Amino acid sequence: MSVDIAKLVTTSPLENSLSAFLVEPREAVPFAKALRWQREWQHNMLDDSSVLQAVWLLQHPKCYTLGKGSSESNLLFDPLNPPAPLYRIGRGGEVTHHLPGQLVAYPVLDLRNYQADLHWYLRELEEVLLDVLLELGLIGERIAGLTGIWIQRRKVGAIGVGCRRWITQHGLALNIDCDLDGFNSVIPCGLHGHQVGALNHWIPGLKVSEVQPLIRMALSKHFRLSWEFQDPIENPE
């Protein structure tokens, strides 16, 4: 299936929209670098209320991340000798796997612009993913008591967030055309017996480049964001 991007992307301003930087690196970004960008931008927003919100849409080289308080028992490898870089970070949730072919969104938002409620925020990020799937002709689903999005009981979208004084970090990851073998080295999200999927299982040939504008559009819709297409990072290295 080929998505006609021109028919799906709108540049019309949203009512009561909020300007936000949108950063879309062309190459896969090492996880540690993307984490540093988010932390620096969050710090800027905490120090200065006039700093715009920002969203990063990108891919990572292969790596694994553990949320705060997550258990290493969900790693099926020696954490001292991981098959790809392993990071313990300040988001909620258990272990997940990042890799090329998976699109990650990192919104650094001030929830006081919306609802100062992390439960609300998690559900909105799920709605973003559900909207994207619907545009692709797919029906996503929630599972009661769990965070994320599934198709036919296969988890395709993972969500884990962090927050400091209502300024967010981390975000969501959507499997599009990635190699799922790396997920066999962990118990993804600590969920025993749950399979992981990628969208190209249902839409053969689907590419990240076709899905990226849909995530951009859905984030804009749910968080009333009017994009500033500039890179807010002065020293990306």
Foldseek 3Di string as FASTA:
>chain_A
DFAPVVVPFDQDADVVFFAEAEAEDPDADAPVLQQVVLVVLLVVCVVDVVRGKYKYKHAHAKEKEAEPPADCVQFLDDQVDDPHHYYYDHWDFGMDITHPQKIFMWTFDQCVLPHLDVVVVQVLLQVLVQQLQVSVVFGWDDDPPDGAIDGPQAGFKDFIWDADNRTITGTMMGRAPDDCPVCVRGVHRVDPPGHHDHNCVVVPPDGPVRSVSSSVRSCCVSNSYNYDHDDPDPDSD
